[in-house]
């Protein structure tokens, strides 16, 4: 019989697809009639995984965000990976909002996940490893129950279950 089975819980996005979604959204903003002659734009900062949305007013900013979300969904990038920031006034009567991309599992969320897993009462162990959580157990069914729990009642950002052995 096999020893232990395990999998890792991570929160990642495909950065290449995210880049493609942003380029497509920028192109749509450049050619759409309702954005002609406005300051509507999306700036992507790869190093710190942030986006800056710029628009003439709040309604236009919401439209820019909607265009971005549509392109992300079409490219298979989870929309809930975006964390909205505070909207602020920018120069020349425009508004700006900085969004960050959620990558990695935060320590508090990892501890909460481990607590949820322990409350299931299954014979599995969970431990925090850098920005991921590793779950090990003897029965594959127990591991699948953990996955089902976290898919249903996990954090609001996207989770992936990888390295299933």
N, C-alpha and C. Protein backbone atom coordinates (compact mmCIF):
# COMPACT_ATOMS: atom_id res chain seq x y z
N UNK A 1 0.85 -1.20 0.00
CA UNK A 1 0.00 0.00 0.00
C UNK A 1 0.88 1.23 0.00
N UNK A 2 0.39 2.30 -0.56
CA UNK A 2 1.15 3.55 -0.65
C UNK A 2 1.27 4.20 0.72
N UNK A 3 2.34 4.94 0.89
CA UNK A 3 2.57 5.62 2.18
C UNK A 3 1.58 6.77 2.35
N UNK A 4 2.08 7.95 2.14
CA UNK A 4 1.24 9.13 2.27
C UNK A 4 1.04 9.80 0.92
N UNK A 5 -0.12 10.39 0.77
CA UNK A 5 -0.43 11.20 -0.40
C UNK A 5 -0.42 12.66 0.06
N UNK A 6 -0.15 13.57 -0.88
CA UNK A 6 -0.13 14.98 -0.50
C UNK A 6 -0.48 15.86 -1.69
N UNK A 7 -0.79 17.10 -1.38
CA UNK A 7 -0.97 18.13 -2.39
C UNK A 7 -0.66 19.48 -1.76
N UNK A 8 -0.40 20.46 -2.61
CA UNK A 8 -0.12 21.81 -2.15
C UNK A 8 -1.27 22.73 -2.52
N UNK A 9 -1.59 23.65 -1.62
CA UNK A 9 -2.60 24.68 -1.89
C UNK A 9 -1.83 25.96 -2.17
N UNK A 10 -2.02 26.51 -3.35
CA UNK A 10 -1.32 27.74 -3.74
C UNK A 10 -2.34 28.74 -4.29
N UNK A 11 -1.91 29.97 -4.41
CA UNK A 11 -2.71 31.00 -5.05
C UNK A 11 -1.81 31.72 -6.04
N UNK A 12 -1.95 31.35 -7.31
CA UNK A 12 -1.11 31.90 -8.36
C UNK A 12 -1.98 32.29 -9.54
N UNK A 13 -1.43 33.14 -10.39
CA UNK A 13 -2.09 33.45 -11.66
C UNK A 13 -1.06 33.25 -12.76
N UNK A 14 -1.55 33.01 -13.95
CA UNK A 14 -0.68 32.88 -15.11
C UNK A 14 -0.33 34.30 -15.55
N UNK A 15 0.91 34.73 -15.27
CA UNK A 15 1.29 36.11 -15.55
C UNK A 15 1.32 36.41 -17.05
N UNK A 16 1.63 35.43 -17.87
CA UNK A 16 1.62 35.66 -19.32
C UNK A 16 0.20 35.94 -19.80
N UNK A 17 -0.76 35.16 -19.32
CA UNK A 17 -2.16 35.39 -19.71
C UNK A 17 -2.67 36.70 -19.13
N UNK A 18 -2.22 37.06 -17.92
CA UNK A 18 -2.61 38.34 -17.34
C UNK A 18 -2.09 39.48 -18.21
N UNK A 19 -0.85 39.37 -18.65
CA UNK A 19 -0.26 40.39 -19.52
C UNK A 19 -1.07 40.50 -20.82
N UNK A 20 -1.43 39.36 -21.40
CA UNK A 20 -2.23 39.36 -22.64
C UNK A 20 -3.59 40.01 -22.42
N UNK A 21 -4.23 39.73 -21.28
CA UNK A 21 -5.53 40.33 -20.98
C UNK A 21 -5.41 41.84 -20.85
N UNK A 22 -4.33 42.31 -20.23
CA UNK A 22 -4.12 43.75 -20.08
C UNK A 22 -3.89 44.41 -21.43
N UNK A 23 -3.09 43.77 -22.27
CA UNK A 23 -2.83 44.32 -23.62
C UNK A 23 -4.14 44.40 -24.41
N UNK A 24 -4.96 43.37 -24.32
CA UNK A 24 -6.25 43.39 -25.03
C UNK A 24 -7.15 44.49 -24.50
N UNK A 25 -7.18 44.65 -23.17
CA UNK A 25 -8.00 45.71 -22.57
C UNK A 25 -7.50 47.09 -22.98
N UNK A 26 -6.18 47.27 -23.00
CA UNK A 26 -5.62 48.55 -23.44
C UNK A 26 -5.99 48.85 -24.89
N UNK A 27 -5.96 47.82 -25.72
CA UNK A 27 -6.32 48.00 -27.13
C UNK A 27 -7.79 48.39 -27.26
N UNK A 28 -8.66 47.70 -26.52
CA UNK A 28 -10.09 48.03 -26.60
C UNK A 28 -10.35 49.45 -26.12
N UNK A 29 -9.66 49.87 -25.07
CA UNK A 29 -9.83 51.24 -24.56
C UNK A 29 -9.36 52.25 -25.61
N UNK A 30 -8.31 51.92 -26.34
CA UNK A 30 -7.77 52.83 -27.35
C UNK A 30 -8.71 53.00 -28.54
N UNK A 31 -9.48 51.96 -28.88
CA UNK A 31 -10.31 52.03 -30.08
C UNK A 31 -11.80 52.25 -29.81
N UNK A 32 -12.25 52.10 -28.58
CA UNK A 32 -13.68 52.26 -28.30
C UNK A 32 -14.11 53.72 -28.44
N UNK A 33 -15.29 53.91 -28.99
CA UNK A 33 -15.80 55.25 -29.25
C UNK A 33 -16.00 56.05 -27.96
N UNK A 34 -16.54 55.40 -26.91
CA UNK A 34 -16.82 56.14 -25.68
C UNK A 34 -15.55 56.52 -24.91
N UNK A 35 -14.39 56.02 -25.31
CA UNK A 35 -13.13 56.39 -24.67
C UNK A 35 -12.31 57.37 -25.52
N UNK A 36 -12.81 57.75 -26.70
CA UNK A 36 -12.07 58.66 -27.57
C UNK A 36 -11.87 60.01 -26.88
N UNK A 37 -10.65 60.51 -26.89
CA UNK A 37 -10.35 61.82 -26.33
C UNK A 37 -10.35 61.88 -24.81
N UNK A 38 -10.33 60.73 -24.14
CA UNK A 38 -10.30 60.72 -22.67
C UNK A 38 -8.94 60.23 -22.19
N UNK A 39 -8.75 60.29 -20.87
CA UNK A 39 -7.49 59.83 -20.28
C UNK A 39 -7.57 58.38 -19.81
N UNK A 40 -8.56 57.65 -20.23
CA UNK A 40 -8.73 56.26 -19.78
C UNK A 40 -7.52 55.43 -20.19
N UNK A 41 -6.93 54.75 -19.20
CA UNK A 41 -5.73 53.95 -19.46
C UNK A 41 -5.54 52.91 -18.36
N UNK A 42 -4.74 51.89 -18.69
CA UNK A 42 -4.34 50.85 -17.73
C UNK A 42 -2.83 50.75 -17.79
N UNK A 43 -2.17 50.87 -16.66
CA UNK A 43 -0.72 50.69 -16.57
C UNK A 43 -0.45 49.45 -15.73
N UNK A 44 0.39 48.56 -16.24
CA UNK A 44 0.73 47.30 -15.55
C UNK A 44 2.17 47.39 -15.07
N UNK A 45 2.36 47.17 -13.77
CA UNK A 45 3.70 47.18 -13.18
C UNK A 45 4.02 45.73 -12.77
N UNK A 46 4.77 45.05 -13.62
CA UNK A 46 5.04 43.62 -13.41
C UNK A 46 5.83 43.34 -12.15
N UNK A 47 6.79 44.21 -11.82
CA UNK A 47 7.67 43.93 -10.69
C UNK A 47 6.91 43.80 -9.38
N UNK A 48 5.97 44.70 -9.13
CA UNK A 48 5.22 44.64 -7.88
C UNK A 48 3.79 44.15 -8.06
N UNK A 49 3.47 43.59 -9.23
CA UNK A 49 2.16 43.01 -9.52
C UNK A 49 1.01 43.96 -9.20
N UNK A 50 1.09 45.18 -9.71
CA UNK A 50 0.01 46.15 -9.52
C UNK A 50 -0.42 46.71 -10.87
N UNK A 51 -1.64 47.21 -10.88
CA UNK A 51 -2.21 47.87 -12.05
C UNK A 51 -2.70 49.24 -11.61
N UNK A 52 -2.53 50.22 -12.45
CA UNK A 52 -3.07 51.55 -12.19
C UNK A 52 -4.07 51.87 -13.28
N UNK A 53 -5.31 52.11 -12.86
CA UNK A 53 -6.37 52.49 -13.79
C UNK A 53 -6.55 53.99 -13.72
N UNK A 54 -6.65 54.64 -14.85
CA UNK A 54 -6.82 56.09 -14.91
C UNK A 54 -8.04 56.38 -15.77
N UNK A 55 -8.86 57.34 -15.34
CA UNK A 55 -10.06 57.70 -16.08
C UNK A 55 -10.45 59.14 -15.75
N UNK A 56 -11.38 59.69 -16.54
CA UNK A 56 -11.83 61.07 -16.33
C UNK A 56 -12.76 61.20 -15.13
N UNK A 57 -13.56 60.16 -14.85
CA UNK A 57 -14.49 60.21 -13.71
C UNK A 57 -14.77 58.78 -13.24
N UNK A 58 -15.47 58.67 -12.11
CA UNK A 58 -15.69 57.37 -11.48
C UNK A 58 -16.42 56.39 -12.39
N UNK A 59 -17.42 56.84 -13.09
CA UNK A 59 -18.18 55.97 -13.99
C UNK A 59 -17.30 55.40 -15.08
N UNK A 60 -16.41 56.23 -15.62
CA UNK A 60 -15.50 55.74 -16.66
C UNK A 60 -14.48 54.77 -16.07
N UNK A 61 -14.05 55.02 -14.83
CA UNK A 61 -13.12 54.11 -14.17
C UNK A 61 -13.75 52.73 -13.99
N UNK A 62 -15.02 52.72 -13.61
CA UNK A 62 -15.72 51.44 -13.46
C UNK A 62 -15.83 50.71 -14.80
N UNK A 63 -16.02 51.46 -15.89
CA UNK A 63 -16.09 50.86 -17.22
C UNK A 63 -14.74 50.27 -17.63
N UNK A 64 -13.65 51.00 -17.32
CA UNK A 64 -12.30 50.49 -17.62
C UNK A 64 -12.06 49.19 -16.85
N UNK A 65 -12.46 49.17 -15.58
CA UNK A 65 -12.31 47.96 -14.76
C UNK A 65 -13.13 46.82 -15.33
N UNK A 66 -14.34 47.11 -15.81
CA UNK A 66 -15.19 46.08 -16.39
C UNK A 66 -14.57 45.50 -17.65
N UNK A 67 -13.98 46.36 -18.49
CA UNK A 67 -13.30 45.89 -19.70
C UNK A 67 -12.16 44.95 -19.32
N UNK A 68 -11.37 45.35 -18.31
CA UNK A 68 -10.25 44.53 -17.86
C UNK A 68 -10.75 43.17 -17.35
N UNK A 69 -11.80 43.17 -16.55
CA UNK A 69 -12.33 41.91 -16.01
C UNK A 69 -12.83 41.00 -17.12
N UNK A 70 -13.47 41.57 -18.14
CA UNK A 70 -13.95 40.75 -19.27
C UNK A 70 -12.79 40.08 -19.98
N UNK A 71 -11.72 40.84 -20.21
CA UNK A 71 -10.56 40.28 -20.89
C UNK A 71 -9.87 39.23 -20.03
N UNK A 72 -9.81 39.45 -18.72
CA UNK A 72 -9.22 38.45 -17.82
C UNK A 72 -10.02 37.15 -17.87
N UNK A 73 -11.34 37.27 -17.83
CA UNK A 73 -12.20 36.08 -17.85
C UNK A 73 -12.02 35.31 -19.15
N UNK A 74 -11.94 36.02 -20.28
CA UNK A 74 -11.76 35.35 -21.57
C UNK A 74 -10.42 34.63 -21.64
N UNK A 75 -9.39 35.16 -20.99
CA UNK A 75 -8.05 34.56 -21.02
C UNK A 75 -7.88 33.50 -19.93
N UNK A 76 -8.89 33.27 -19.11
CA UNK A 76 -8.81 32.24 -18.07
C UNK A 76 -8.08 32.68 -16.81
N UNK A 77 -7.93 33.99 -16.63
CA UNK A 77 -7.31 34.51 -15.41
C UNK A 77 -8.42 34.79 -14.41
N UNK A 78 -8.34 34.26 -13.18
CA UNK A 78 -9.42 34.48 -12.21
C UNK A 78 -9.58 35.97 -11.89
N UNK A 79 -10.80 36.45 -12.03
CA UNK A 79 -11.09 37.86 -11.80
C UNK A 79 -10.94 38.22 -10.33
N UNK A 80 -11.21 37.26 -9.44
CA UNK A 80 -11.11 37.57 -8.01
C UNK A 80 -9.66 37.63 -7.52
N UNK A 81 -8.70 37.54 -8.43
CA UNK A 81 -7.30 37.76 -8.06
C UNK A 81 -6.99 39.24 -7.95
N UNK A 82 -7.89 40.09 -8.41
CA UNK A 82 -7.70 41.54 -8.31
C UNK A 82 -8.14 42.03 -6.94
N UNK A 83 -7.27 42.79 -6.28
CA UNK A 83 -7.64 43.45 -5.02
C UNK A 83 -7.72 44.94 -5.31
N UNK A 84 -8.92 45.48 -5.14
CA UNK A 84 -9.11 46.91 -5.43
C UNK A 84 -8.48 47.75 -4.34
N UNK A 85 -7.92 48.86 -4.78
CA UNK A 85 -7.34 49.82 -3.86
C UNK A 85 -8.29 51.00 -3.66
N UNK A 86 -7.75 52.07 -3.12
CA UNK A 86 -8.55 53.26 -2.87
C UNK A 86 -8.54 54.15 -4.11
N UNK A 87 -9.71 54.66 -4.48
CA UNK A 87 -9.78 55.57 -5.62
C UNK A 87 -9.34 56.95 -5.13
N UNK A 88 -8.50 57.59 -5.93
CA UNK A 88 -7.99 58.90 -5.53
C UNK A 88 -8.06 59.87 -6.70
N UNK A 89 -8.08 61.13 -6.35
CA UNK A 89 -8.09 62.18 -7.37
C UNK A 89 -6.69 62.29 -7.97
N UNK A 90 -6.62 62.42 -9.30
CA UNK A 90 -5.35 62.60 -9.99
C UNK A 90 -5.34 63.99 -10.62
N UNK A 91 -4.29 64.30 -11.32
CA UNK A 91 -4.18 65.62 -11.93
C UNK A 91 -5.16 65.78 -13.09
N UNK A 92 -5.47 67.02 -13.43
CA UNK A 92 -6.35 67.37 -14.55
C UNK A 92 -7.75 66.78 -14.40
N UNK A 93 -8.32 66.85 -13.21
CA UNK A 93 -9.69 66.39 -12.95
C UNK A 93 -9.93 64.94 -13.35
N UNK A 94 -8.97 64.07 -13.11
CA UNK A 94 -9.15 62.65 -13.41
C UNK A 94 -9.08 61.86 -12.11
N UNK A 95 -9.44 60.60 -12.18
CA UNK A 95 -9.38 59.71 -11.01
C UNK A 95 -8.47 58.53 -11.34
N UNK A 96 -7.89 57.98 -10.29
CA UNK A 96 -6.94 56.89 -10.44
C UNK A 96 -7.22 55.87 -9.34
N UNK A 97 -7.04 54.60 -9.68
CA UNK A 97 -7.17 53.53 -8.70
C UNK A 97 -6.06 52.52 -8.94
N UNK A 98 -5.43 52.10 -7.85
CA UNK A 98 -4.37 51.11 -7.94
C UNK A 98 -4.93 49.76 -7.50
N UNK A 99 -4.80 48.77 -8.36
CA UNK A 99 -5.23 47.40 -8.07
C UNK A 99 -3.99 46.55 -7.88
N UNK A 100 -4.08 45.57 -6.99
CA UNK A 100 -2.95 44.65 -6.85
C UNK A 100 -3.43 43.24 -7.20
N UNK A 101 -2.51 42.44 -7.70
CA UNK A 101 -2.82 41.06 -8.04
C UNK A 101 -2.47 40.18 -6.85
N UNK A 102 -3.40 39.34 -6.47
CA UNK A 102 -3.18 38.48 -5.31
C UNK A 102 -2.39 37.25 -5.73
N UNK A 103 -1.16 37.15 -5.22
CA UNK A 103 -0.31 36.00 -5.51
C UNK A 103 0.24 35.49 -4.18
N UNK A 104 0.07 34.20 -3.93
CA UNK A 104 0.53 33.61 -2.67
C UNK A 104 -0.56 33.62 -1.63
N UNK A 105 -0.40 32.76 -0.64
CA UNK A 105 -1.36 32.67 0.45
C UNK A 105 -0.79 33.42 1.65
N UNK A 106 -1.56 34.35 2.19
CA UNK A 106 -1.11 35.11 3.35
C UNK A 106 -1.10 34.22 4.59
N UNK A 107 -0.23 34.55 5.55
CA UNK A 107 -0.03 33.72 6.73
C UNK A 107 -1.32 33.56 7.54
N UNK A 108 -2.08 34.64 7.70
CA UNK A 108 -3.33 34.57 8.47
C UNK A 108 -4.33 33.64 7.79
N UNK A 109 -4.43 33.75 6.47
CA UNK A 109 -5.34 32.89 5.72
C UNK A 109 -4.89 31.43 5.78
N UNK A 110 -3.58 31.21 5.74
CA UNK A 110 -3.05 29.84 5.83
C UNK A 110 -3.41 29.22 7.18
N UNK A 111 -3.25 30.00 8.25
CA UNK A 111 -3.62 29.49 9.58
C UNK A 111 -5.11 29.18 9.66
N UNK A 112 -5.93 30.04 9.07
CA UNK A 112 -7.38 29.82 9.07
C UNK A 112 -7.73 28.55 8.29
N UNK A 113 -7.03 28.31 7.16
CA UNK A 113 -7.28 27.10 6.38
C UNK A 113 -6.90 25.86 7.18
N UNK A 114 -5.77 25.91 7.84
CA UNK A 114 -5.34 24.76 8.65
C UNK A 114 -6.35 24.49 9.76
N UNK A 115 -6.87 25.54 10.37
CA UNK A 115 -7.88 25.37 11.43
C UNK A 115 -9.13 24.72 10.85
N UNK A 116 -9.56 25.15 9.65
CA UNK A 116 -10.73 24.55 9.00
C UNK A 116 -10.48 23.07 8.72
N UNK A 117 -9.28 22.75 8.25
CA UNK A 117 -8.95 21.37 7.91
C UNK A 117 -8.97 20.50 9.16
N UNK A 118 -8.44 21.02 10.27
CA UNK A 118 -8.44 20.25 11.52
C UNK A 118 -9.85 20.02 12.04
N UNK A 119 -10.74 20.99 11.81
CA UNK A 119 -12.12 20.85 12.28
C UNK A 119 -12.89 19.77 11.52
N UNK A 120 -12.39 19.38 10.36
CA UNK A 120 -13.04 18.30 9.61
C UNK A 120 -12.94 16.97 10.35
N UNK A 121 -11.89 16.81 11.15
CA UNK A 121 -11.71 15.57 11.90
C UNK A 121 -11.15 14.43 11.08
N UNK A 122 -10.55 14.73 9.95
CA UNK A 122 -9.96 13.69 9.11
C UNK A 122 -8.51 13.45 9.53
N UNK A 123 -7.97 12.32 9.12
CA UNK A 123 -6.58 11.99 9.44
C UNK A 123 -5.67 12.57 8.37
N UNK A 124 -5.54 13.90 8.40
CA UNK A 124 -4.65 14.62 7.49
C UNK A 124 -3.85 15.63 8.29
N UNK A 125 -2.67 15.94 7.78
CA UNK A 125 -1.85 16.96 8.39
C UNK A 125 -1.69 18.10 7.39
N UNK A 126 -1.70 19.33 7.91
CA UNK A 126 -1.51 20.50 7.05
C UNK A 126 -0.41 21.35 7.66
N UNK A 127 0.47 21.85 6.82
CA UNK A 127 1.54 22.71 7.31
C UNK A 127 1.81 23.84 6.33
N UNK A 128 2.24 24.96 6.87
CA UNK A 128 2.53 26.14 6.06
C UNK A 128 3.97 26.03 5.56
N UNK A 129 4.14 26.22 4.24
CA UNK A 129 5.47 26.20 3.63
C UNK A 129 5.58 27.44 2.75
N UNK A 130 6.30 28.45 3.21
CA UNK A 130 6.44 29.73 2.50
C UNK A 130 5.05 30.31 2.21
N UNK A 131 4.68 30.42 0.95
CA UNK A 131 3.38 31.00 0.61
C UNK A 131 2.41 29.94 0.08
N UNK A 132 2.56 28.73 0.58
CA UNK A 132 1.63 27.66 0.22
C UNK A 132 1.37 26.79 1.45
N UNK A 133 0.37 25.95 1.34
CA UNK A 133 0.01 25.02 2.42
C UNK A 133 0.08 23.62 1.86
N UNK A 134 0.81 22.73 2.53
CA UNK A 134 0.90 21.34 2.11
C UNK A 134 0.01 20.50 3.01
N UNK A 135 -0.80 19.65 2.38
CA UNK A 135 -1.71 18.76 3.10
C UNK A 135 -1.29 17.33 2.77
N UNK A 136 -1.09 16.51 3.80
CA UNK A 136 -0.71 15.11 3.61
C UNK A 136 -1.68 14.21 4.37
N UNK A 137 -1.86 13.00 3.85
CA UNK A 137 -2.73 12.03 4.48
C UNK A 137 -2.59 10.68 3.81
N UNK A 138 -3.08 9.63 4.47
CA UNK A 138 -2.96 8.29 3.92
C UNK A 138 -4.04 7.99 2.88
N UNK A 139 -5.22 8.58 3.06
CA UNK A 139 -6.34 8.28 2.16
C UNK A 139 -6.57 9.42 1.18
N UNK A 140 -6.67 9.07 -0.09
CA UNK A 140 -6.94 10.07 -1.12
C UNK A 140 -8.32 10.70 -0.91
N UNK A 141 -9.27 9.91 -0.42
CA UNK A 141 -10.62 10.44 -0.18
C UNK A 141 -10.60 11.56 0.85
N UNK A 142 -9.74 11.43 1.88
CA UNK A 142 -9.63 12.50 2.88
C UNK A 142 -9.08 13.77 2.24
N UNK A 143 -8.09 13.62 1.37
CA UNK A 143 -7.51 14.79 0.71
C UNK A 143 -8.54 15.44 -0.21
N UNK A 144 -9.35 14.63 -0.88
CA UNK A 144 -10.38 15.19 -1.75
C UNK A 144 -11.45 15.91 -0.94
N UNK A 145 -11.73 15.43 0.28
CA UNK A 145 -12.68 16.12 1.15
C UNK A 145 -12.14 17.49 1.56
N UNK A 146 -10.83 17.57 1.79
CA UNK A 146 -10.21 18.85 2.13
C UNK A 146 -10.32 19.82 0.95
N UNK A 147 -10.06 19.33 -0.26
CA UNK A 147 -10.17 20.17 -1.45
C UNK A 147 -11.61 20.67 -1.60
N UNK A 148 -12.57 19.79 -1.42
CA UNK A 148 -13.98 20.18 -1.54
C UNK A 148 -14.34 21.26 -0.52
N UNK A 149 -13.85 21.10 0.71
CA UNK A 149 -14.12 22.09 1.75
C UNK A 149 -13.56 23.46 1.36
N UNK A 150 -12.31 23.48 0.91
CA UNK A 150 -11.67 24.76 0.60
C UNK A 150 -12.24 25.40 -0.66
N UNK A 151 -12.70 24.60 -1.61
CA UNK A 151 -13.35 25.17 -2.80
C UNK A 151 -14.65 25.85 -2.41
N UNK A 152 -15.35 25.25 -1.45
CA UNK A 152 -16.64 25.79 -1.03
C UNK A 152 -16.50 26.93 -0.04
N UNK A 153 -15.58 26.79 0.92
CA UNK A 153 -15.53 27.73 2.04
C UNK A 153 -14.12 28.26 2.26
N UNK A 154 -13.39 28.51 1.19
CA UNK A 154 -12.04 29.03 1.31
C UNK A 154 -12.01 30.54 1.26
N UNK A 155 -10.83 31.12 1.12
CA UNK A 155 -10.72 32.58 1.03
C UNK A 155 -11.33 33.11 -0.27
N UNK A 156 -11.49 34.43 -0.35
CA UNK A 156 -12.15 35.02 -1.52
C UNK A 156 -11.27 35.07 -2.75
N UNK A 157 -9.97 34.87 -2.60
CA UNK A 157 -9.09 34.86 -3.77
C UNK A 157 -8.95 33.43 -4.30
N UNK A 158 -8.48 33.27 -5.55
CA UNK A 158 -8.45 31.95 -6.17
C UNK A 158 -7.40 31.03 -5.54
N UNK A 159 -7.76 29.76 -5.40
CA UNK A 159 -6.84 28.74 -4.90
C UNK A 159 -6.65 27.68 -5.97
N UNK A 160 -5.43 27.14 -6.03
CA UNK A 160 -5.16 26.00 -6.90
C UNK A 160 -4.60 24.88 -6.04
N UNK A 161 -4.89 23.66 -6.45
CA UNK A 161 -4.43 22.49 -5.72
C UNK A 161 -3.48 21.75 -6.66
N UNK A 162 -2.19 21.76 -6.32
CA UNK A 162 -1.16 21.26 -7.23
C UNK A 162 -0.31 20.19 -6.54
N UNK A 163 0.55 19.54 -7.33
CA UNK A 163 1.49 18.51 -6.86
C UNK A 163 0.78 17.36 -6.14
N UNK A 164 -0.34 16.93 -6.67
CA UNK A 164 -1.09 15.85 -6.04
C UNK A 164 -0.34 14.54 -6.26
N UNK A 165 0.10 13.91 -5.16
CA UNK A 165 0.82 12.63 -5.26
C UNK A 165 0.16 11.59 -4.40
